[in-house]
N, C-alpha and C. Protein backbone atom coordinates (compact mmCIF):
# COMPACT_ATOMS: atom_id res chain seq x y z
N MET A 1 -4.36 19.15 -16.62
CA MET A 1 -3.30 19.76 -17.38
C MET A 1 -2.75 20.93 -16.57
N TRP A 2 -1.42 21.03 -16.52
CA TRP A 2 -0.77 22.12 -15.80
C TRP A 2 -0.38 23.20 -16.79
N GLU A 3 -0.63 24.43 -16.43
CA GLU A 3 -0.32 25.57 -17.28
C GLU A 3 0.47 26.55 -16.44
N SER A 4 1.75 26.69 -16.72
CA SER A 4 2.63 27.60 -15.98
C SER A 4 2.58 27.33 -14.47
N GLY A 5 2.61 26.05 -14.08
CA GLY A 5 2.61 25.72 -12.67
C GLY A 5 1.25 25.81 -12.01
N VAL A 6 0.21 26.10 -12.77
CA VAL A 6 -1.15 26.21 -12.23
C VAL A 6 -2.02 25.21 -12.97
N LEU A 7 -2.86 24.52 -12.26
CA LEU A 7 -3.73 23.54 -12.88
C LEU A 7 -4.77 24.24 -13.74
N ALA A 8 -4.83 23.90 -15.01
CA ALA A 8 -5.84 24.47 -15.91
C ALA A 8 -7.03 23.51 -15.95
N HIS A 9 -8.22 24.05 -15.90
CA HIS A 9 -9.41 23.20 -15.85
C HIS A 9 -10.65 23.98 -16.24
N SER A 10 -11.70 23.23 -16.47
CA SER A 10 -13.00 23.85 -16.75
C SER A 10 -13.76 23.96 -15.44
N ILE A 11 -14.85 24.71 -15.45
CA ILE A 11 -15.66 24.85 -14.24
C ILE A 11 -16.55 23.62 -14.11
N GLU A 12 -16.50 23.00 -12.95
CA GLU A 12 -17.24 21.77 -12.70
C GLU A 12 -17.50 21.68 -11.20
N VAL A 13 -18.65 21.19 -10.82
CA VAL A 13 -18.95 21.03 -9.40
C VAL A 13 -18.15 19.86 -8.87
N ILE A 14 -17.38 20.10 -7.81
CA ILE A 14 -16.58 19.07 -7.17
C ILE A 14 -17.36 18.49 -5.99
N ALA A 15 -17.90 19.35 -5.18
CA ALA A 15 -18.70 18.92 -4.04
C ALA A 15 -19.67 20.05 -3.74
N SER A 16 -20.87 19.69 -3.35
CA SER A 16 -21.85 20.73 -3.04
C SER A 16 -22.53 20.43 -1.72
N ASP A 17 -23.17 21.45 -1.20
CA ASP A 17 -23.94 21.34 0.04
C ASP A 17 -23.08 20.83 1.19
N LEU A 18 -21.88 21.40 1.33
CA LEU A 18 -20.99 21.04 2.42
C LEU A 18 -21.45 21.77 3.66
N ARG A 19 -21.85 21.02 4.69
CA ARG A 19 -22.40 21.63 5.89
C ARG A 19 -21.57 21.39 7.14
N THR A 20 -20.59 20.48 7.07
CA THR A 20 -19.78 20.19 8.25
C THR A 20 -18.31 20.20 7.87
N PRO A 21 -17.44 20.50 8.84
CA PRO A 21 -16.00 20.46 8.55
C PRO A 21 -15.53 19.11 8.00
N PRO A 22 -16.01 17.97 8.52
CA PRO A 22 -15.56 16.70 7.93
C PRO A 22 -15.95 16.55 6.45
N GLN A 23 -17.11 17.08 6.07
CA GLN A 23 -17.48 17.02 4.65
C GLN A 23 -16.51 17.83 3.81
N LEU A 24 -16.13 19.00 4.29
CA LEU A 24 -15.17 19.83 3.57
C LEU A 24 -13.82 19.13 3.50
N SER A 25 -13.37 18.59 4.62
CA SER A 25 -12.08 17.88 4.65
C SER A 25 -12.06 16.72 3.67
N ARG A 26 -13.13 15.92 3.68
CA ARG A 26 -13.20 14.76 2.78
C ARG A 26 -13.23 15.19 1.32
N ALA A 27 -13.95 16.26 1.02
CA ALA A 27 -14.04 16.74 -0.36
C ALA A 27 -12.67 17.21 -0.86
N LEU A 28 -11.95 17.92 -0.01
CA LEU A 28 -10.63 18.41 -0.42
C LEU A 28 -9.62 17.27 -0.54
N ARG A 29 -9.70 16.29 0.35
CA ARG A 29 -8.82 15.12 0.26
C ARG A 29 -9.12 14.34 -1.02
N ALA A 30 -10.40 14.16 -1.33
CA ALA A 30 -10.78 13.45 -2.56
C ALA A 30 -10.25 14.18 -3.79
N ARG A 31 -10.34 15.50 -3.77
CA ARG A 31 -9.86 16.30 -4.90
C ARG A 31 -8.35 16.15 -5.05
N ARG A 32 -7.62 16.21 -3.94
CA ARG A 32 -6.16 16.06 -3.99
C ARG A 32 -5.81 14.71 -4.60
N ARG A 33 -6.47 13.67 -4.12
CA ARG A 33 -6.21 12.32 -4.63
C ARG A 33 -6.57 12.20 -6.11
N ALA A 34 -7.70 12.78 -6.51
CA ALA A 34 -8.12 12.72 -7.91
C ALA A 34 -7.10 13.39 -8.82
N LEU A 35 -6.42 14.41 -8.31
CA LEU A 35 -5.40 15.11 -9.09
C LEU A 35 -4.06 14.38 -9.05
N GLY A 36 -3.99 13.32 -8.23
CA GLY A 36 -2.75 12.55 -8.15
C GLY A 36 -1.65 13.26 -7.40
N LEU A 37 -2.03 14.15 -6.47
CA LEU A 37 -1.04 14.92 -5.71
C LEU A 37 -0.85 14.33 -4.32
N SER A 38 0.38 14.36 -3.84
CA SER A 38 0.65 13.89 -2.48
C SER A 38 0.35 15.01 -1.49
N GLN A 39 0.23 14.63 -0.23
CA GLN A 39 0.04 15.64 0.81
C GLN A 39 1.24 16.58 0.85
N ALA A 40 2.43 16.04 0.66
CA ALA A 40 3.64 16.88 0.68
C ALA A 40 3.60 17.92 -0.43
N GLU A 41 3.18 17.51 -1.63
CA GLU A 41 3.11 18.45 -2.76
C GLU A 41 2.10 19.57 -2.49
N VAL A 42 0.92 19.18 -2.03
CA VAL A 42 -0.13 20.16 -1.77
C VAL A 42 0.26 21.08 -0.62
N ALA A 43 0.84 20.51 0.43
CA ALA A 43 1.26 21.32 1.58
C ALA A 43 2.29 22.36 1.15
N GLU A 44 3.24 21.95 0.33
CA GLU A 44 4.26 22.90 -0.14
C GLU A 44 3.63 24.02 -0.96
N LEU A 45 2.74 23.66 -1.87
CA LEU A 45 2.08 24.66 -2.71
C LEU A 45 1.20 25.60 -1.89
N ALA A 46 0.60 25.07 -0.81
CA ALA A 46 -0.30 25.86 0.03
C ALA A 46 0.44 26.60 1.15
N GLY A 47 1.73 26.36 1.27
CA GLY A 47 2.50 27.05 2.30
C GLY A 47 2.23 26.53 3.70
N THR A 48 1.98 25.24 3.83
CA THR A 48 1.73 24.65 5.12
C THR A 48 2.53 23.36 5.23
N SER A 49 2.38 22.63 6.31
CA SER A 49 3.14 21.39 6.48
C SER A 49 2.28 20.18 6.11
N PRO A 50 2.94 19.09 5.70
CA PRO A 50 2.19 17.86 5.43
C PRO A 50 1.46 17.37 6.68
N GLN A 51 2.03 17.61 7.84
CA GLN A 51 1.38 17.19 9.09
C GLN A 51 0.07 17.94 9.30
N TRP A 52 0.09 19.26 9.05
CA TRP A 52 -1.14 20.05 9.19
C TRP A 52 -2.18 19.56 8.20
N LEU A 53 -1.77 19.34 6.94
CA LEU A 53 -2.71 18.90 5.92
C LEU A 53 -3.29 17.54 6.28
N SER A 54 -2.46 16.64 6.76
CA SER A 54 -2.95 15.33 7.17
C SER A 54 -3.99 15.47 8.28
N GLY A 55 -3.68 16.30 9.27
CA GLY A 55 -4.63 16.53 10.36
C GLY A 55 -5.94 17.11 9.85
N PHE A 56 -5.84 18.08 8.94
CA PHE A 56 -7.04 18.69 8.38
C PHE A 56 -7.87 17.66 7.62
N GLU A 57 -7.20 16.89 6.76
CA GLU A 57 -7.92 15.89 5.97
C GLU A 57 -8.58 14.82 6.84
N ASN A 58 -8.01 14.59 8.01
CA ASN A 58 -8.55 13.57 8.91
C ASN A 58 -9.41 14.17 10.02
N GLY A 59 -9.73 15.46 9.91
CA GLY A 59 -10.64 16.09 10.86
C GLY A 59 -10.06 16.33 12.23
N LYS A 60 -8.73 16.40 12.32
CA LYS A 60 -8.08 16.63 13.61
C LYS A 60 -7.65 18.09 13.71
N GLY A 61 -7.69 18.62 14.89
CA GLY A 61 -7.23 19.98 15.10
C GLY A 61 -8.23 21.01 14.61
N SER A 62 -7.89 22.25 14.80
CA SER A 62 -8.77 23.34 14.40
C SER A 62 -8.02 24.27 13.47
N CYS A 63 -8.59 24.55 12.34
CA CYS A 63 -7.98 25.48 11.40
C CYS A 63 -8.95 26.60 11.09
N GLY A 64 -9.94 26.78 11.94
CA GLY A 64 -10.93 27.81 11.69
C GLY A 64 -12.10 27.32 10.86
N THR A 65 -12.02 26.08 10.39
CA THR A 65 -13.08 25.55 9.54
C THR A 65 -14.42 25.50 10.26
N HIS A 66 -14.38 25.13 11.53
CA HIS A 66 -15.62 25.04 12.29
C HIS A 66 -16.34 26.40 12.32
N ARG A 67 -15.58 27.45 12.50
CA ARG A 67 -16.19 28.79 12.54
C ARG A 67 -16.79 29.15 11.19
N VAL A 68 -16.07 28.84 10.13
CA VAL A 68 -16.57 29.14 8.78
C VAL A 68 -17.85 28.36 8.51
N MET A 69 -17.85 27.09 8.86
CA MET A 69 -19.02 26.25 8.62
C MET A 69 -20.20 26.72 9.48
N ARG A 70 -19.92 27.10 10.71
CA ARG A 70 -20.99 27.56 11.61
C ARG A 70 -21.58 28.88 11.10
N LEU A 71 -20.70 29.78 10.64
CA LEU A 71 -21.17 31.04 10.09
C LEU A 71 -22.05 30.81 8.86
N ALA A 72 -21.62 29.92 7.99
CA ALA A 72 -22.42 29.61 6.80
C ALA A 72 -23.79 29.08 7.21
N ALA A 73 -23.82 28.20 8.22
CA ALA A 73 -25.09 27.64 8.67
C ALA A 73 -26.00 28.72 9.23
N VAL A 74 -25.44 29.62 10.03
CA VAL A 74 -26.22 30.72 10.62
C VAL A 74 -26.83 31.58 9.52
N LEU A 75 -26.10 31.76 8.44
CA LEU A 75 -26.57 32.59 7.33
C LEU A 75 -27.42 31.81 6.34
N GLY A 76 -27.70 30.55 6.65
CA GLY A 76 -28.53 29.75 5.76
C GLY A 76 -27.80 29.32 4.50
N LEU A 77 -26.49 29.19 4.59
CA LEU A 77 -25.69 28.84 3.42
C LEU A 77 -25.00 27.50 3.61
N SER A 78 -24.62 26.90 2.52
CA SER A 78 -23.72 25.75 2.53
C SER A 78 -22.55 26.12 1.62
N ILE A 79 -21.52 25.33 1.68
CA ILE A 79 -20.32 25.60 0.88
C ILE A 79 -20.25 24.57 -0.23
N ALA A 80 -19.98 25.04 -1.43
CA ALA A 80 -19.80 24.17 -2.59
C ALA A 80 -18.42 24.41 -3.17
N LEU A 81 -17.78 23.36 -3.63
CA LEU A 81 -16.48 23.49 -4.26
C LEU A 81 -16.64 23.33 -5.77
N HIS A 82 -16.08 24.27 -6.51
CA HIS A 82 -16.13 24.24 -7.96
C HIS A 82 -14.72 24.46 -8.47
N GLU A 83 -14.37 23.79 -9.57
CA GLU A 83 -13.12 24.13 -10.22
C GLU A 83 -13.27 25.55 -10.74
N ARG A 84 -12.19 26.29 -10.72
CA ARG A 84 -12.26 27.64 -11.24
C ARG A 84 -11.25 27.80 -12.37
N PRO A 85 -11.54 28.67 -13.31
CA PRO A 85 -10.60 28.86 -14.41
C PRO A 85 -9.31 29.51 -13.91
N VAL A 86 -8.23 29.26 -14.61
CA VAL A 86 -6.96 29.89 -14.29
C VAL A 86 -7.09 31.38 -14.60
N THR A 87 -6.67 32.20 -13.65
CA THR A 87 -6.77 33.65 -13.82
C THR A 87 -5.38 34.26 -13.97
N ASP A 88 -5.35 35.53 -14.34
CA ASP A 88 -4.07 36.24 -14.42
C ASP A 88 -3.38 36.24 -13.06
N MET A 89 -4.16 36.34 -11.98
CA MET A 89 -3.57 36.34 -10.64
C MET A 89 -2.88 35.00 -10.36
N ASP A 90 -3.46 33.91 -10.83
CA ASP A 90 -2.81 32.60 -10.68
C ASP A 90 -1.47 32.58 -11.40
N ARG A 91 -1.43 33.15 -12.59
CA ARG A 91 -0.18 33.18 -13.36
C ARG A 91 0.87 34.04 -12.66
N VAL A 92 0.46 35.17 -12.10
CA VAL A 92 1.39 36.03 -11.37
C VAL A 92 1.91 35.29 -10.15
N PHE A 93 1.02 34.65 -9.40
CA PHE A 93 1.43 33.90 -8.21
C PHE A 93 2.41 32.80 -8.59
N ALA A 94 2.12 32.07 -9.66
CA ALA A 94 3.01 31.00 -10.10
C ALA A 94 4.38 31.55 -10.47
N ALA A 95 4.40 32.68 -11.18
CA ALA A 95 5.67 33.27 -11.57
C ALA A 95 6.47 33.74 -10.36
N VAL A 96 5.80 34.33 -9.40
CA VAL A 96 6.48 34.83 -8.20
C VAL A 96 7.01 33.67 -7.37
N THR A 97 6.22 32.62 -7.21
CA THR A 97 6.67 31.49 -6.39
C THR A 97 7.76 30.70 -7.08
N GLU A 98 7.87 30.81 -8.40
CA GLU A 98 8.95 30.17 -9.14
C GLU A 98 10.19 31.05 -9.16
N GLY A 99 10.12 32.21 -8.52
CA GLY A 99 11.27 33.11 -8.48
C GLY A 99 11.32 34.08 -9.64
N GLY A 100 10.26 34.11 -10.44
CA GLY A 100 10.21 35.02 -11.56
C GLY A 100 9.77 36.41 -11.12
N SER A 101 9.62 37.27 -12.08
CA SER A 101 9.24 38.65 -11.77
C SER A 101 7.74 38.83 -11.60
N GLY A 102 6.98 37.84 -12.06
CA GLY A 102 5.53 37.95 -11.96
C GLY A 102 4.93 38.71 -13.13
N THR A 103 5.74 38.99 -14.16
CA THR A 103 5.25 39.77 -15.29
C THR A 103 5.25 38.96 -16.58
N ARG A 104 5.18 37.66 -16.50
CA ARG A 104 5.20 36.82 -17.70
C ARG A 104 3.95 37.00 -18.51
């Protein structure tokens, strides 16, 4: 469900124990597909190009993910993806990107 241009959802584990960039890429691609969003839609919302997103989802190129994953490993951590509740900051961002004042 979309709420003011922001996806409203409950907290749920999407992917856990992500230890490699390809795992992160696959988890994010699966999430995009599960939401029924195209690469073009997500790229526009994220402020990037569909080409970059395609490369990221397919494990091509470097977007700093390798460094993040390596740092997490050094610290004995893994990365987990969880849905997060819509926050006031999300609403402000949505209003600003829609050309509003951000004070809705």
